[in-house]
Amino acid sequence: MDMRGIITLVGMAAFFSTPAYADTDVKKEIIDRCKVQMGSYGSAMVKACVDQDLSAVAEIKQIPDEYKKTVARCMKQMRQYGFAMVKACADQDIEAEKALKEY
């Protein structure tokens, strides 16, 4: 394999592994926040918090692109409280926006 092949291979590996690192960072963020916020209530509550936020992250990724601004605003305002709160913010805003169009 020549040098270009090696560079291409390394570049592809880096490109395709970036989402994995991002997911790892998000998981770490969730676990750390849940431990701080819920740790005094025991491991079961920390696990419930983590499970809820991981589920919310997956659901946030499914929100249509037309609501990117809403999701970005909710991320900025609510992320410190967890992704379940981000999702609730986005869901409520999207529902309100749709209702306002009905008037």
N, C-alpha and C. Protein backbone atom coordinates (compact mmCIF):
# COMPACT_ATOMS: atom_id res chain seq x y z
N MET A 1 0.85 -1.17 0.00
CA MET A 1 0.00 0.00 0.00
C MET A 1 0.90 1.23 0.00
N ASP A 2 0.60 2.17 -0.89
CA ASP A 2 1.41 3.39 -0.94
C ASP A 2 0.94 4.40 0.10
N MET A 3 1.64 5.52 0.18
CA MET A 3 1.37 6.54 1.20
C MET A 3 -0.04 7.13 1.04
N ARG A 4 -0.48 7.34 -0.20
CA ARG A 4 -1.83 7.88 -0.40
C ARG A 4 -2.89 6.93 0.13
N GLY A 5 -2.70 5.65 -0.06
CA GLY A 5 -3.64 4.66 0.44
C GLY A 5 -3.72 4.67 1.95
N ILE A 6 -2.56 4.80 2.59
CA ILE A 6 -2.53 4.84 4.05
C ILE A 6 -3.23 6.09 4.57
N ILE A 7 -2.94 7.23 3.94
CA ILE A 7 -3.56 8.49 4.36
C ILE A 7 -5.07 8.43 4.16
N THR A 8 -5.50 7.88 3.04
CA THR A 8 -6.93 7.73 2.77
C THR A 8 -7.59 6.83 3.81
N LEU A 9 -6.94 5.72 4.11
CA LEU A 9 -7.47 4.79 5.10
C LEU A 9 -7.59 5.43 6.48
N VAL A 10 -6.55 6.15 6.89
CA VAL A 10 -6.56 6.83 8.19
C VAL A 10 -7.64 7.91 8.20
N GLY A 11 -7.75 8.65 7.11
CA GLY A 11 -8.78 9.70 7.01
C GLY A 11 -10.18 9.13 7.10
N MET A 12 -10.42 8.02 6.41
CA MET A 12 -11.73 7.39 6.47
C MET A 12 -12.04 6.87 7.87
N ALA A 13 -11.04 6.29 8.51
CA ALA A 13 -11.24 5.79 9.87
C ALA A 13 -11.58 6.93 10.81
N ALA A 14 -10.88 8.05 10.67
CA ALA A 14 -11.15 9.21 11.53
C ALA A 14 -12.55 9.77 11.26
N PHE A 15 -12.92 9.86 9.97
CA PHE A 15 -14.22 10.41 9.61
C PHE A 15 -15.36 9.57 10.16
N PHE A 16 -15.26 8.26 10.00
CA PHE A 16 -16.35 7.38 10.42
C PHE A 16 -16.38 7.14 11.92
N SER A 17 -15.29 7.43 12.63
CA SER A 17 -15.28 7.23 14.07
C SER A 17 -15.71 8.48 14.83
N THR A 18 -15.79 9.62 14.17
CA THR A 18 -16.18 10.86 14.84
C THR A 18 -17.54 10.75 15.51
N PRO A 19 -18.59 10.22 14.86
CA PRO A 19 -19.87 10.09 15.54
C PRO A 19 -19.79 9.21 16.79
N ALA A 20 -18.95 8.20 16.75
CA ALA A 20 -18.80 7.32 17.91
C ALA A 20 -18.24 8.11 19.09
N TYR A 21 -17.25 8.97 18.82
CA TYR A 21 -16.70 9.81 19.89
C TYR A 21 -17.76 10.77 20.41
N ALA A 22 -18.54 11.35 19.50
CA ALA A 22 -19.59 12.28 19.91
C ALA A 22 -20.60 11.57 20.80
N ASP A 23 -21.01 10.36 20.39
CA ASP A 23 -21.96 9.60 21.19
C ASP A 23 -21.37 9.27 22.56
N THR A 24 -20.07 8.93 22.58
CA THR A 24 -19.40 8.63 23.84
C THR A 24 -19.38 9.86 24.73
N ASP A 25 -19.11 11.03 24.14
CA ASP A 25 -19.09 12.27 24.91
C ASP A 25 -20.47 12.59 25.49
N VAL A 26 -21.50 12.39 24.69
CA VAL A 26 -22.87 12.65 25.15
C VAL A 26 -23.23 11.68 26.28
N LYS A 27 -22.88 10.41 26.11
CA LYS A 27 -23.17 9.43 27.15
C LYS A 27 -22.46 9.80 28.45
N LYS A 28 -21.20 10.21 28.33
CA LYS A 28 -20.44 10.60 29.52
C LYS A 28 -21.09 11.82 30.17
N GLU A 29 -21.48 12.78 29.36
CA GLU A 29 -22.15 13.98 29.88
C GLU A 29 -23.42 13.59 30.64
N ILE A 30 -24.21 12.70 30.06
CA ILE A 30 -25.46 12.26 30.68
C ILE A 30 -25.18 11.54 31.99
N ILE A 31 -24.27 10.60 31.96
CA ILE A 31 -23.96 9.83 33.18
C ILE A 31 -23.44 10.74 34.28
N ASP A 32 -22.52 11.65 33.93
CA ASP A 32 -21.97 12.56 34.93
C ASP A 32 -23.05 13.46 35.53
N ARG A 33 -23.92 14.02 34.67
CA ARG A 33 -24.98 14.90 35.17
C ARG A 33 -25.96 14.13 36.05
N CYS A 34 -26.34 12.94 35.62
CA CYS A 34 -27.28 12.14 36.39
C CYS A 34 -26.70 11.74 37.74
N LYS A 35 -25.42 11.43 37.77
CA LYS A 35 -24.78 11.08 39.05
C LYS A 35 -24.81 12.28 40.01
N VAL A 36 -24.54 13.46 39.48
CA VAL A 36 -24.54 14.66 40.32
C VAL A 36 -25.96 14.98 40.80
N GLN A 37 -26.92 14.97 39.87
CA GLN A 37 -28.27 15.39 40.21
C GLN A 37 -29.07 14.33 40.97
N MET A 38 -28.79 13.06 40.70
CA MET A 38 -29.63 12.00 41.26
C MET A 38 -28.88 11.03 42.17
N GLY A 39 -27.58 11.20 42.30
CA GLY A 39 -26.76 10.26 43.06
C GLY A 39 -27.20 10.06 44.48
N SER A 40 -27.71 11.09 45.11
CA SER A 40 -28.13 10.96 46.51
C SER A 40 -29.38 10.11 46.67
N TYR A 41 -30.07 9.80 45.55
CA TYR A 41 -31.27 8.98 45.60
C TYR A 41 -31.00 7.51 45.28
N GLY A 42 -29.74 7.17 44.98
CA GLY A 42 -29.37 5.79 44.74
C GLY A 42 -29.15 5.46 43.28
N SER A 43 -28.56 4.31 43.07
CA SER A 43 -28.18 3.88 41.71
C SER A 43 -29.38 3.69 40.79
N ALA A 44 -30.48 3.25 41.32
CA ALA A 44 -31.66 3.03 40.48
C ALA A 44 -32.15 4.34 39.86
N MET A 45 -32.10 5.41 40.65
CA MET A 45 -32.53 6.71 40.14
C MET A 45 -31.53 7.27 39.13
N VAL A 46 -30.26 7.03 39.36
CA VAL A 46 -29.24 7.46 38.39
C VAL A 46 -29.46 6.73 37.08
N LYS A 47 -29.69 5.42 37.15
CA LYS A 47 -29.94 4.62 35.95
C LYS A 47 -31.20 5.10 35.22
N ALA A 48 -32.25 5.39 35.96
CA ALA A 48 -33.49 5.88 35.34
C ALA A 48 -33.24 7.20 34.63
N CYS A 49 -32.48 8.07 35.24
CA CYS A 49 -32.12 9.37 34.64
C CYS A 49 -31.34 9.16 33.35
N VAL A 50 -30.33 8.28 33.40
CA VAL A 50 -29.50 7.99 32.22
C VAL A 50 -30.36 7.40 31.11
N ASP A 51 -31.18 6.42 31.44
CA ASP A 51 -32.04 5.78 30.43
C ASP A 51 -32.98 6.79 29.78
N GLN A 52 -33.56 7.65 30.58
CA GLN A 52 -34.49 8.67 30.07
C GLN A 52 -33.77 9.63 29.12
N ASP A 53 -32.58 10.07 29.49
CA ASP A 53 -31.85 11.01 28.65
C ASP A 53 -31.35 10.35 27.37
N LEU A 54 -30.89 9.11 27.45
CA LEU A 54 -30.43 8.42 26.24
C LEU A 54 -31.59 8.24 25.26
N SER A 55 -32.74 7.93 25.78
CA SER A 55 -33.93 7.80 24.94
C SER A 55 -34.28 9.16 24.31
N ALA A 56 -34.19 10.21 25.11
CA ALA A 56 -34.50 11.55 24.61
C ALA A 56 -33.54 11.97 23.50
N VAL A 57 -32.27 11.64 23.64
CA VAL A 57 -31.28 11.97 22.60
C VAL A 57 -31.66 11.31 21.29
N ALA A 58 -32.03 10.04 21.35
CA ALA A 58 -32.44 9.32 20.14
C ALA A 58 -33.67 9.96 19.52
N GLU A 59 -34.61 10.39 20.34
CA GLU A 59 -35.84 11.01 19.84
C GLU A 59 -35.57 12.40 19.28
N ILE A 60 -34.66 13.14 19.89
CA ILE A 60 -34.30 14.48 19.39
C ILE A 60 -33.72 14.37 17.99
N LYS A 61 -32.93 13.34 17.75
CA LYS A 61 -32.33 13.13 16.42
C LYS A 61 -33.39 12.87 15.36
N GLN A 62 -34.60 12.47 15.75
CA GLN A 62 -35.67 12.17 14.81
C GLN A 62 -36.54 13.38 14.49
N ILE A 63 -36.33 14.48 15.18
CA ILE A 63 -37.14 15.69 14.94
C ILE A 63 -36.78 16.22 13.54
N PRO A 64 -37.79 16.53 12.73
CA PRO A 64 -37.54 16.98 11.36
C PRO A 64 -36.64 18.23 11.29
N ASP A 65 -35.90 18.33 10.21
CA ASP A 65 -34.95 19.44 10.02
C ASP A 65 -35.61 20.81 10.04
N GLU A 66 -36.88 20.88 9.70
CA GLU A 66 -37.56 22.17 9.67
C GLU A 66 -37.63 22.81 11.07
N TYR A 67 -37.39 22.03 12.10
CA TYR A 67 -37.44 22.54 13.47
C TYR A 67 -36.05 22.66 14.10
N LYS A 68 -35.01 22.73 13.27
CA LYS A 68 -33.63 22.80 13.78
C LYS A 68 -33.42 24.02 14.68
N LYS A 69 -34.00 25.15 14.31
CA LYS A 69 -33.82 26.36 15.14
C LYS A 69 -34.45 26.17 16.52
N THR A 70 -35.60 25.55 16.55
CA THR A 70 -36.27 25.29 17.82
C THR A 70 -35.42 24.35 18.68
N VAL A 71 -34.93 23.28 18.07
CA VAL A 71 -34.10 22.32 18.81
C VAL A 71 -32.82 22.99 19.31
N ALA A 72 -32.21 23.82 18.46
CA ALA A 72 -30.97 24.51 18.86
C ALA A 72 -31.23 25.44 20.04
N ARG A 73 -32.34 26.16 20.01
CA ARG A 73 -32.67 27.05 21.12
C ARG A 73 -32.91 26.26 22.40
N CYS A 74 -33.65 25.17 22.28
CA CYS A 74 -33.92 24.33 23.45
C CYS A 74 -32.64 23.71 23.99
N MET A 75 -31.73 23.32 23.11
CA MET A 75 -30.44 22.78 23.55
C MET A 75 -29.69 23.82 24.36
N LYS A 76 -29.67 25.03 23.84
CA LYS A 76 -28.94 26.11 24.51
C LYS A 76 -29.55 26.42 25.88
N GLN A 77 -30.86 26.45 25.95
CA GLN A 77 -31.54 26.85 27.18
C GLN A 77 -31.67 25.72 28.20
N MET A 78 -31.83 24.48 27.76
CA MET A 78 -32.22 23.40 28.67
C MET A 78 -31.21 22.26 28.84
N ARG A 79 -30.15 22.26 28.05
CA ARG A 79 -29.23 21.12 28.07
C ARG A 79 -28.66 20.84 29.45
N GLN A 80 -28.42 21.89 30.21
CA GLN A 80 -27.86 21.70 31.56
C GLN A 80 -28.80 20.91 32.46
N TYR A 81 -30.08 20.84 32.10
CA TYR A 81 -31.06 20.09 32.90
C TYR A 81 -31.29 18.69 32.37
N GLY A 82 -30.67 18.38 31.23
CA GLY A 82 -30.79 17.04 30.66
C GLY A 82 -31.51 17.05 29.33
N PHE A 83 -31.27 15.99 28.57
CA PHE A 83 -31.84 15.90 27.23
C PHE A 83 -33.34 15.63 27.25
N ALA A 84 -33.86 15.07 28.34
CA ALA A 84 -35.30 14.90 28.44
C ALA A 84 -35.98 16.27 28.49
N MET A 85 -35.34 17.22 29.15
CA MET A 85 -35.88 18.59 29.20
C MET A 85 -35.74 19.28 27.84
N VAL A 86 -34.64 19.02 27.14
CA VAL A 86 -34.47 19.57 25.79
C VAL A 86 -35.59 19.07 24.90
N LYS A 87 -35.86 17.78 24.98
CA LYS A 87 -36.91 17.20 24.15
C LYS A 87 -38.28 17.76 24.52
N ALA A 88 -38.55 17.89 25.81
CA ALA A 88 -39.83 18.46 26.24
C ALA A 88 -39.99 19.88 25.71
N CYS A 89 -38.94 20.67 25.80
CA CYS A 89 -38.95 22.05 25.30
C CYS A 89 -39.26 22.05 23.81
N ALA A 90 -38.54 21.24 23.05
CA ALA A 90 -38.74 21.20 21.60
C ALA A 90 -40.14 20.70 21.25
N ASP A 91 -40.57 19.63 21.89
CA ASP A 91 -41.90 19.08 21.61
C ASP A 91 -43.00 20.11 21.88
N GLN A 92 -42.91 20.80 23.00
CA GLN A 92 -43.93 21.78 23.36
C GLN A 92 -43.91 22.97 22.41
N ASP A 93 -42.72 23.41 22.02
CA ASP A 93 -42.61 24.53 21.09
C ASP A 93 -43.15 24.17 19.70
N ILE A 94 -42.82 22.97 19.26
CA ILE A 94 -43.29 22.52 17.95
C ILE A 94 -44.81 22.39 17.95
N GLU A 95 -45.36 21.84 19.03
CA GLU A 95 -46.81 21.71 19.15
C GLU A 95 -47.48 23.09 19.17
N ALA A 96 -46.89 24.04 19.90
CA ALA A 96 -47.45 25.39 19.96
C ALA A 96 -47.37 26.08 18.59
N GLU A 97 -46.25 25.88 17.90
CA GLU A 97 -46.10 26.48 16.58
C GLU A 97 -47.17 25.96 15.62
N LYS A 98 -47.43 24.67 15.67
CA LYS A 98 -48.46 24.08 14.82
C LYS A 98 -49.84 24.62 15.20
N ALA A 99 -50.11 24.77 16.48
CA ALA A 99 -51.41 25.29 16.94
C ALA A 99 -51.58 26.74 16.50
N LEU A 100 -50.53 27.53 16.56
CA LEU A 100 -50.64 28.94 16.16
C LEU A 100 -50.96 29.07 14.66
N LYS A 101 -50.50 28.12 13.88
CA LYS A 101 -50.79 28.15 12.44
C LYS A 101 -52.26 27.87 12.15
N GLU A 102 -52.95 27.28 13.13
CA GLU A 102 -54.36 26.94 12.98
C GLU A 102 -55.28 28.15 13.22
N TYR A 103 -54.76 29.19 13.87
CA TYR A 103 -55.60 30.36 14.18
C TYR A 103 -55.91 31.15 12.94
